[in-house]
Amino acid sequence: MKTSKKIANSLKKAALIVSGAALSTSVFATDKLAGALSGDVQDMLGGSGTFWKIFILVDIILAAAMAVKAKNPMVFAGVFVIAFIPALLINAFVF
């Protein structure tokens, strides 16, 4: 009984060592997306990117509709909070 437990424990240790060695090869992989941040991603999501231009335009249109519906011009303060603050934070901390 004791020998079977010892064999089972040694097989578990061997399996852990083999799986650790197999998984450690990914540590030395090259980063294929390292240069993507300065190219396509920045053009799309940067401060002057297409996404933010469309997002701010849609946000202003929806705020205008909400201001007409609610008869409250303070709805336009949401444009600043929803559109401009995330854009500024992304420009400051990402790009």
N, C-alpha and C. Protein backbone atom coordinates (compact mmCIF):
# COMPACT_ATOMS: atom_id res chain seq x y z
N MET A 1 0.82 -1.20 0.00
CA MET A 1 0.00 0.00 0.00
C MET A 1 0.86 1.26 0.00
N LYS A 2 1.90 1.26 0.82
CA LYS A 2 2.77 2.42 0.90
C LYS A 2 3.54 2.64 -0.39
N THR A 3 3.92 1.57 -1.04
CA THR A 3 4.67 1.72 -2.29
C THR A 3 3.77 2.29 -3.40
N SER A 4 2.50 1.93 -3.40
CA SER A 4 1.60 2.47 -4.42
C SER A 4 1.37 3.97 -4.20
N LYS A 5 1.31 4.41 -2.94
CA LYS A 5 1.18 5.83 -2.64
C LYS A 5 2.44 6.59 -3.06
N LYS A 6 3.60 5.97 -2.83
CA LYS A 6 4.85 6.61 -3.22
C LYS A 6 4.94 6.74 -4.74
N ILE A 7 4.49 5.69 -5.44
CA ILE A 7 4.51 5.73 -6.90
C ILE A 7 3.53 6.79 -7.42
N ALA A 8 2.37 6.85 -6.79
CA ALA A 8 1.37 7.84 -7.21
C ALA A 8 1.88 9.26 -6.96
N ASN A 9 2.51 9.50 -5.81
CA ASN A 9 3.06 10.82 -5.51
C ASN A 9 4.18 11.19 -6.47
N SER A 10 5.04 10.22 -6.77
CA SER A 10 6.13 10.52 -7.70
C SER A 10 5.60 10.75 -9.11
N LEU A 11 4.53 10.08 -9.52
CA LEU A 11 3.92 10.33 -10.82
C LEU A 11 3.29 11.73 -10.86
N LYS A 12 2.67 12.15 -9.77
CA LYS A 12 2.09 13.49 -9.70
C LYS A 12 3.18 14.55 -9.81
N LYS A 13 4.29 14.33 -9.09
CA LYS A 13 5.40 15.29 -9.16
C LYS A 13 5.98 15.34 -10.57
N ALA A 14 6.12 14.19 -11.19
CA ALA A 14 6.66 14.15 -12.55
C ALA A 14 5.71 14.85 -13.53
N ALA A 15 4.41 14.65 -13.35
CA ALA A 15 3.44 15.30 -14.22
C ALA A 15 3.49 16.82 -14.04
N LEU A 16 3.66 17.29 -12.81
CA LEU A 16 3.78 18.72 -12.56
C LEU A 16 5.05 19.30 -13.19
N ILE A 17 6.13 18.56 -13.09
CA ILE A 17 7.39 19.04 -13.66
C ILE A 17 7.30 19.10 -15.18
N VAL A 18 6.71 18.07 -15.79
CA VAL A 18 6.58 18.04 -17.24
C VAL A 18 5.64 19.16 -17.72
N SER A 19 4.51 19.36 -17.03
CA SER A 19 3.59 20.42 -17.45
C SER A 19 4.21 21.80 -17.23
N GLY A 20 4.96 21.97 -16.16
CA GLY A 20 5.64 23.24 -15.93
C GLY A 20 6.68 23.53 -17.01
N ALA A 21 7.40 22.51 -17.40
CA ALA A 21 8.40 22.69 -18.46
C ALA A 21 7.73 22.98 -19.79
N ALA A 22 6.59 22.36 -20.06
CA ALA A 22 5.88 22.59 -21.32
C ALA A 22 5.30 23.99 -21.36
N LEU A 23 4.81 24.48 -20.24
CA LEU A 23 4.20 25.81 -20.21
C LEU A 23 5.24 26.93 -20.16
N SER A 24 6.44 26.62 -19.72
CA SER A 24 7.45 27.67 -19.60
C SER A 24 8.00 28.10 -20.95
N THR A 25 7.75 27.36 -22.00
CA THR A 25 8.25 27.78 -23.32
C THR A 25 7.51 29.01 -23.82
N SER A 26 6.30 29.27 -23.34
CA SER A 26 5.57 30.45 -23.78
C SER A 26 6.12 31.73 -23.17
N VAL A 27 6.98 31.62 -22.19
CA VAL A 27 7.58 32.80 -21.57
C VAL A 27 8.49 33.52 -22.56
N PHE A 28 9.10 32.78 -23.45
CA PHE A 28 10.06 33.35 -24.39
C PHE A 28 9.43 33.67 -25.74
N ALA A 29 8.12 33.71 -25.81
CA ALA A 29 7.44 34.01 -27.07
C ALA A 29 7.62 35.48 -27.43
N THR A 30 7.61 35.78 -28.70
CA THR A 30 7.72 37.16 -29.14
C THR A 30 6.33 37.80 -29.13
N ASP A 31 6.31 39.09 -28.86
CA ASP A 31 5.05 39.81 -28.79
C ASP A 31 4.70 40.33 -30.17
N LYS A 32 3.69 39.76 -30.78
CA LYS A 32 3.30 40.14 -32.13
C LYS A 32 2.51 41.45 -32.15
N LEU A 33 1.89 41.83 -31.03
CA LEU A 33 1.06 43.04 -30.99
C LEU A 33 1.75 44.23 -30.33
N ALA A 34 3.06 44.14 -30.14
CA ALA A 34 3.76 45.22 -29.45
C ALA A 34 3.70 46.52 -30.23
N GLY A 35 3.78 46.47 -31.54
CA GLY A 35 3.76 47.68 -32.34
C GLY A 35 2.37 48.13 -32.75
N ALA A 36 1.35 47.37 -32.38
CA ALA A 36 -0.01 47.72 -32.80
C ALA A 36 -0.54 48.96 -32.09
N LEU A 37 -0.07 49.23 -30.88
CA LEU A 37 -0.58 50.36 -30.12
C LEU A 37 -0.26 51.69 -30.80
N SER A 38 0.89 51.77 -31.43
CA SER A 38 1.27 53.04 -32.06
C SER A 38 0.66 53.19 -33.45
N GLY A 39 0.07 52.14 -33.99
CA GLY A 39 -0.48 52.22 -35.33
C GLY A 39 -1.98 52.28 -35.35
N ASP A 40 -2.59 51.17 -35.65
CA ASP A 40 -4.04 51.10 -35.87
C ASP A 40 -4.84 51.44 -34.63
N VAL A 41 -4.41 50.95 -33.48
CA VAL A 41 -5.18 51.18 -32.25
C VAL A 41 -5.20 52.67 -31.90
N GLN A 42 -4.07 53.33 -32.05
CA GLN A 42 -4.03 54.76 -31.72
C GLN A 42 -4.84 55.56 -32.73
N ASP A 43 -4.82 55.15 -33.99
CA ASP A 43 -5.63 55.86 -34.98
C ASP A 43 -7.12 55.71 -34.71
N MET A 44 -7.51 54.57 -34.17
CA MET A 44 -8.92 54.33 -33.92
C MET A 44 -9.37 54.90 -32.57
N LEU A 45 -8.61 54.68 -31.51
CA LEU A 45 -9.05 55.05 -30.17
C LEU A 45 -8.31 56.25 -29.58
N GLY A 46 -7.36 56.83 -30.28
CA GLY A 46 -6.62 57.98 -29.77
C GLY A 46 -7.50 59.20 -29.64
N GLY A 47 -6.92 60.29 -29.18
CA GLY A 47 -7.68 61.51 -28.95
C GLY A 47 -8.35 62.04 -30.20
N SER A 48 -7.70 61.92 -31.32
CA SER A 48 -8.30 62.37 -32.58
C SER A 48 -8.78 61.19 -33.40
N GLY A 49 -9.08 60.09 -32.73
CA GLY A 49 -9.48 58.87 -33.42
C GLY A 49 -10.92 58.90 -33.90
N THR A 50 -11.22 58.02 -34.79
CA THR A 50 -12.55 57.93 -35.39
C THR A 50 -13.60 57.57 -34.35
N PHE A 51 -13.27 56.65 -33.47
CA PHE A 51 -14.25 56.20 -32.47
C PHE A 51 -14.73 57.36 -31.61
N TRP A 52 -13.80 58.19 -31.13
CA TRP A 52 -14.20 59.27 -30.24
C TRP A 52 -14.98 60.34 -30.96
N LYS A 53 -14.64 60.59 -32.22
CA LYS A 53 -15.40 61.58 -32.98
C LYS A 53 -16.85 61.14 -33.13
N ILE A 54 -17.05 59.87 -33.48
CA ILE A 54 -18.41 59.35 -33.64
C ILE A 54 -19.12 59.28 -32.30
N PHE A 55 -18.40 58.85 -31.27
CA PHE A 55 -19.00 58.72 -29.93
C PHE A 55 -19.46 60.06 -29.40
N ILE A 56 -18.64 61.10 -29.54
CA ILE A 56 -19.00 62.43 -29.04
C ILE A 56 -20.15 63.01 -29.86
N LEU A 57 -20.15 62.78 -31.17
CA LEU A 57 -21.24 63.27 -32.01
C LEU A 57 -22.57 62.63 -31.61
N VAL A 58 -22.57 61.32 -31.42
CA VAL A 58 -23.79 60.62 -31.01
C VAL A 58 -24.21 61.06 -29.61
N ASP A 59 -23.24 61.27 -28.73
CA ASP A 59 -23.54 61.70 -27.37
C ASP A 59 -24.18 63.10 -27.36
N ILE A 60 -23.69 64.00 -28.17
CA ILE A 60 -24.26 65.35 -28.25
C ILE A 60 -25.67 65.31 -28.83
N ILE A 61 -25.88 64.48 -29.84
CA ILE A 61 -27.22 64.36 -30.43
C ILE A 61 -28.21 63.79 -29.41
N LEU A 62 -27.79 62.76 -28.68
CA LEU A 62 -28.67 62.18 -27.66
C LEU A 62 -28.90 63.16 -26.50
N ALA A 63 -27.89 63.93 -26.14
CA ALA A 63 -28.07 64.93 -25.08
C ALA A 63 -29.03 66.01 -25.52
N ALA A 64 -28.96 66.42 -26.79
CA ALA A 64 -29.91 67.42 -27.29
C ALA A 64 -31.33 66.87 -27.26
N ALA A 65 -31.50 65.61 -27.63
CA ALA A 65 -32.83 65.00 -27.58
C ALA A 65 -33.33 64.90 -26.15
N MET A 66 -32.45 64.56 -25.22
CA MET A 66 -32.85 64.46 -23.82
C MET A 66 -33.16 65.85 -23.24
N ALA A 67 -32.42 66.88 -23.67
CA ALA A 67 -32.68 68.24 -23.18
C ALA A 67 -34.03 68.73 -23.66
N VAL A 68 -34.40 68.38 -24.89
CA VAL A 68 -35.72 68.77 -25.40
C VAL A 68 -36.81 68.00 -24.66
N LYS A 69 -36.57 66.72 -24.44
CA LYS A 69 -37.57 65.87 -23.78
C LYS A 69 -37.75 66.27 -22.31
N ALA A 70 -36.63 66.48 -21.60
CA ALA A 70 -36.70 66.78 -20.17
C ALA A 70 -36.84 68.27 -19.88
N LYS A 71 -36.64 69.11 -20.88
CA LYS A 71 -36.69 70.56 -20.73
C LYS A 71 -35.72 71.04 -19.65
N ASN A 72 -34.53 70.42 -19.66
CA ASN A 72 -33.52 70.74 -18.68
C ASN A 72 -32.17 70.81 -19.40
N PRO A 73 -31.57 71.99 -19.48
CA PRO A 73 -30.29 72.09 -20.19
C PRO A 73 -29.10 71.48 -19.45
N MET A 74 -29.30 71.08 -18.21
CA MET A 74 -28.21 70.44 -17.47
C MET A 74 -27.87 69.06 -18.01
N VAL A 75 -28.67 68.56 -18.92
CA VAL A 75 -28.37 67.28 -19.54
C VAL A 75 -27.05 67.36 -20.30
N PHE A 76 -26.70 68.55 -20.79
CA PHE A 76 -25.46 68.71 -21.53
C PHE A 76 -24.23 68.55 -20.65
N ALA A 77 -24.40 68.63 -19.33
CA ALA A 77 -23.28 68.33 -18.43
C ALA A 77 -22.89 66.87 -18.54
N GLY A 78 -23.85 66.03 -18.88
CA GLY A 78 -23.55 64.61 -19.09
C GLY A 78 -22.66 64.38 -20.29
N VAL A 79 -22.70 65.28 -21.27
CA VAL A 79 -21.81 65.17 -22.42
C VAL A 79 -20.36 65.27 -21.95
N PHE A 80 -20.11 66.18 -21.06
CA PHE A 80 -18.75 66.33 -20.53
C PHE A 80 -18.33 65.09 -19.75
N VAL A 81 -19.21 64.61 -18.90
CA VAL A 81 -18.88 63.47 -18.05
C VAL A 81 -18.73 62.20 -18.85
N ILE A 82 -19.64 61.96 -19.79
CA ILE A 82 -19.65 60.69 -20.52
C ILE A 82 -18.64 60.67 -21.66
N ALA A 83 -18.42 61.79 -22.32
CA ALA A 83 -17.58 61.76 -23.52
C ALA A 83 -16.18 62.32 -23.31
N PHE A 84 -16.06 63.47 -22.72
CA PHE A 84 -14.77 64.13 -22.69
C PHE A 84 -13.84 63.60 -21.61
N ILE A 85 -14.35 63.27 -20.44
CA ILE A 85 -13.48 62.77 -19.37
C ILE A 85 -12.84 61.43 -19.75
N PRO A 86 -13.58 60.43 -20.27
CA PRO A 86 -12.88 59.20 -20.68
C PRO A 86 -11.86 59.44 -21.80
N ALA A 87 -12.17 60.33 -22.72
CA ALA A 87 -11.22 60.63 -23.80
C ALA A 87 -9.95 61.25 -23.23
N LEU A 88 -10.08 62.15 -22.29
CA LEU A 88 -8.90 62.75 -21.68
C LEU A 88 -8.10 61.74 -20.88
N LEU A 89 -8.78 60.86 -20.15
CA LEU A 89 -8.08 59.85 -19.37
C LEU A 89 -7.35 58.85 -20.26
N ILE A 90 -7.97 58.46 -21.37
CA ILE A 90 -7.30 57.53 -22.28
C ILE A 90 -6.09 58.19 -22.91
N ASN A 91 -6.20 59.45 -23.29
CA ASN A 91 -5.04 60.16 -23.84
C ASN A 91 -3.92 60.30 -22.83
N ALA A 92 -4.28 60.53 -21.57
CA ALA A 92 -3.27 60.75 -20.55
C ALA A 92 -2.57 59.47 -20.12
N PHE A 93 -3.32 58.38 -19.99
CA PHE A 93 -2.75 57.17 -19.41
C PHE A 93 -2.43 56.06 -20.39
N VAL A 94 -2.99 56.11 -21.61
CA VAL A 94 -2.75 55.03 -22.56
C VAL A 94 -1.81 55.48 -23.66
N PHE A 95 -2.09 56.62 -24.27
CA PHE A 95 -1.29 57.03 -25.43
C PHE A 95 -0.30 58.08 -25.04
